[in-house]
C-alpha atoms as a PDB file:
ATOM      1  CA  MET A   1     184.902   6.201 120.867  1.00  0.00           C
ATOM      2  CA  THR A   2     186.571   2.997 120.391  1.00  0.00           C
ATOM      3  CA  GLU A   3     184.736  -0.318 120.680  1.00  0.00           C
ATOM      4  CA  ILE A   4     186.581  -3.122 122.587  1.00  0.00           C
ATOM      5  CA  ASN A   5     186.344  -6.619 121.476  1.00  0.00           C
ATOM      6  CA  TYR A   6     186.950  -8.916 124.349  1.00  0.00           C
ATOM      7  CA  THR A   7     186.480 -12.309 122.452  1.00  0.00           C
ATOM      8  CA  SER A   8     190.026 -12.535 121.437  1.00  0.00           C
ATOM      9  CA  THR A   9     191.719 -11.712 124.694  1.00  0.00           C
ATOM     10  CA  PHE A  10     189.964 -12.200 127.934  1.00  0.00           C
ATOM     11  CA  PRO A  11     189.506  -9.286 129.140  1.00  0.00           C
ATOM     12  CA  PHE A  12     193.103  -7.852 129.302  1.00  0.00           C
ATOM     13  CA  ARG A  13     196.633  -8.971 128.337  1.00  0.00           C
ATOM     14  CA  THR A  14     198.297 -10.094 131.805  1.00  0.00           C
ATOM     15  CA  CYS A  15     201.712  -8.984 130.472  1.00  0.00           C
ATOM     16  CA  ASP A  16     200.311  -5.430 130.534  1.00  0.00           C
ATOM     17  CA  ILE A  17     199.834  -5.365 134.276  1.00  0.00           C
ATOM     18  CA  ASP A  18     202.801  -4.565 136.634  1.00  0.00           C
ATOM     19  CA  LEU A  19     202.902  -6.464 139.986  1.00  0.00           C
ATOM     20  CA  PRO A  20     204.094  -4.244 142.902  1.00  0.00           C
ATOM     21  CA  ASP A  21     207.209  -4.963 144.568  1.00  0.00           C
ATOM     22  CA  ASP A  22     206.437  -3.808 148.157  1.00  0.00           C
ATOM     23  CA  PRO A  23     207.083  -6.655 150.809  1.00  0.00           C
ATOM     24  CA  SER A  24     204.170  -5.645 153.056  1.00  0.00           C
ATOM     25  CA  GLY A  25     202.062  -8.716 151.857  1.00  0.00           C
ATOM     26  CA  TYR A  26     198.996  -9.066 149.709  1.00  0.00           C
ATOM     27  CA  VAL A  27     195.886 -10.875 149.160  1.00  0.00           C
ATOM     28  CA  TYR A  28     195.333 -11.937 145.641  1.00  0.00           C
ATOM     29  CA  MET A  29     193.106 -13.580 143.382  1.00  0.00           C
ATOM     30  CA  LEU A  30     194.236 -15.795 140.458  1.00  0.00           C
ATOM     31  CA  LEU A  31     192.172 -16.547 137.416  1.00  0.00           C
ATOM     32  CA  SER A  32     192.916 -19.441 135.190  1.00  0.00           C
ATOM     33  CA  THR A  33     193.644 -18.290 131.333  1.00  0.00           C
ATOM     34  CA  LYS A  34     192.264 -21.674 130.179  1.00  0.00           C
ATOM     35  CA  ASP A  35     189.124 -21.863 132.346  1.00  0.00           C
ATOM     36  CA  THR A  36     187.924 -18.460 133.487  1.00  0.00           C
ATOM     37  CA  ASN A  37     185.656 -19.769 135.874  1.00  0.00           C
ATOM     38  CA  ARG A  38     188.500 -21.312 137.896  1.00  0.00           C
ATOM     39  CA  THR A  39     189.652 -18.844 140.403  1.00  0.00           C
ATOM     40  CA  TYR A  40     191.972 -19.049 143.583  1.00  0.00           C
ATOM     41  CA  ILE A  41     192.274 -16.534 146.438  1.00  0.00           C
ATOM     42  CA  GLY A  42     195.631 -16.499 148.469  1.00  0.00           C
ATOM     43  CA  GLN A  43     198.025 -14.459 150.439  1.00  0.00           C
ATOM     44  CA  ALA A  44     201.566 -13.730 149.708  1.00  0.00           C
ATOM     45  CA  LYS A  45     204.334 -11.078 150.502  1.00  0.00           C
ATOM     46  CA  CYS A  46     205.863 -11.128 146.921  1.00  0.00           C
ATOM     47  CA  LEU A  47     203.330 -11.463 144.237  1.00  0.00           C
ATOM     48  CA  ARG A  48     205.916 -12.010 141.393  1.00  0.00           C
ATOM     49  CA  SER A  49     207.342 -15.049 143.038  1.00  0.00           C
ATOM     50  CA  ARG A  50     203.988 -16.398 144.153  1.00  0.00           C
ATOM     51  CA  ILE A  51     202.594 -16.264 140.654  1.00  0.00           C
ATOM     52  CA  ASN A  52     205.629 -18.023 139.307  1.00  0.00           C
ATOM     53  CA  ALA A  53     205.234 -20.804 141.805  1.00  0.00           C
ATOM     54  CA  HIS A  54     201.532 -21.115 141.082  1.00  0.00           C
ATOM     55  CA  ASN A  55     202.322 -21.450 137.189  1.00  0.00           C
ATOM     56  CA  GLY A  56     205.241 -23.519 137.642  1.00  0.00           C
ATOM     57  CA  GLY A  57     203.131 -26.250 139.485  1.00  0.00           C
ATOM     58  CA  GLY A  58     204.755 -25.389 142.996  1.00  0.00           C
ATOM     59  CA  GLY A  59     201.583 -23.238 144.227  1.00  0.00           C
ATOM     60  CA  ALA A  60     198.730 -24.556 146.299  1.00  0.00           C
ATOM     61  CA  LYS A  61     197.335 -28.147 145.673  1.00  0.00           C
ATOM     62  CA  VAL A  62     194.294 -26.743 143.803  1.00  0.00           C
ATOM     63  CA  THR A  63     196.330 -24.758 141.345  1.00  0.00           C
ATOM     64  CA  HIS A  64     199.024 -27.298 140.373  1.00  0.00           C
ATOM     65  CA  LEU A  65     196.931 -29.060 137.501  1.00  0.00           C
ATOM     66  CA  LEU A  66     198.462 -28.403 134.143  1.00  0.00           C
ATOM     67  CA  LYS A  67     195.031 -28.167 132.446  1.00  0.00           C
ATOM     68  CA  TYR A  68     194.231 -24.920 134.347  1.00  0.00           C
ATOM     69  CA  ARG A  69     197.657 -23.226 133.974  1.00  0.00           C
ATOM     70  CA  PRO A  70     198.901 -20.565 133.345  1.00  0.00           C
ATOM     71  CA  TYR A  71     196.986 -18.193 136.033  1.00  0.00           C
ATOM     72  CA  CYS A  72     197.083 -14.458 135.968  1.00  0.00           C
ATOM     73  CA  MET A  73     196.296 -12.154 138.914  1.00  0.00           C
END
């Protein structure tokens, strides 16, 4: 059995997670990678473009602050 140490990467690497491309719509939760107590819940039809908008500063008012970006889903 392998022991996992979460102190170096919280608790997963976001680049390992594939986002679905189905255009039916989603409810999602964002987590700040800089402050893991900072979360946001939203809805979108395309997750990939929405996470890019949030991380680019063009998302919701509460996610635009640079000190909390980037976010992961």
